[in-house]
Amino acid sequence: MDEPKYKRVLLKISGEALAGDKHFGLDFQVMGQVADVIKECVEMGVQVGIVIGGGNFWRGVKNGEGYIERTRADHMGMLATAMNCMAMADVLEQKGVDVRVQTALEIKEVAEPYIRARAIRHLEKGRVVIFGCGIGSPFFSTDTAAVLRAAEIGADVILLAKNIDGVYDCDPAKFASAKKFDSITYDDVLARHLSVMDSTATSLSMDNHIPVLVFALKDPYNIIRVLRGEKIGTIVKEA
């Protein structure tokens, strides 16, 4: 097998993707397929960090707006991500993958606190590290958490696994004429207000020169294709 294109990656998985067609909770068939691919990544020698969203259980802004104070609603969202991280860790462990969960909020009974040096050591030992609870602060998305963790661990690329197969100039669900980009710059994403990540996450990835590869998780094997250098989805990078 050819050497993987990337040695250390940060995989961002939306909570909705883990819910599959149920759109809420966890679809363990989907999670099992994702875990199989992650196991193959590790066997290829790729170091894998993962950030998982919490939208399959709770979205702070959307679910709490008008009813719960924003800071508390966001903290609830962080706890939703912790639930997803624990579930994903268990599925991976059942498949023989060595995993550590680290959380930005201290939940020492179920996860390690996030410590950068320890996370890197785990990765160097071939363990998958799953980062939960975003960055531990309200008003920041798990996309921003993914970019921050990628920068901190020195990831070569952010793999943004979504329910859509790339970046389009408009919403392909609403406009049949939507054009998909093979490659686009951070500046263009920000100028066009494209919904790749929120603007904070996009700016942070641009400032730290970390490319973002956007692709569909519907076929989890796309992760392997990306690592092999195949042209999948859209890459967001510098000009």
Foldseek 3Di string as FASTA:
>chain_A
DDQFPWAEEEEEEEPQQQCPPVSADGDVVLLLLLLVLVVVCLVSNHQYEYEYWQRNYADQCPVPPPPDPSFVSLQVRLVSRVVVLLVSCVSNVVVVAAEFEEECDDPPVRHHHDDLVVSLVCSVVSHYYYYTSQNVGTPDGNLLSSLVSCLSNVTQAYEYADQAAAWWLDDCVVDVPIDGALEEELVVCVVSVTVPDPNNSSVSCQVSFHKYFYGYCVPSCVVVCVRNVHRTYYIYGHD
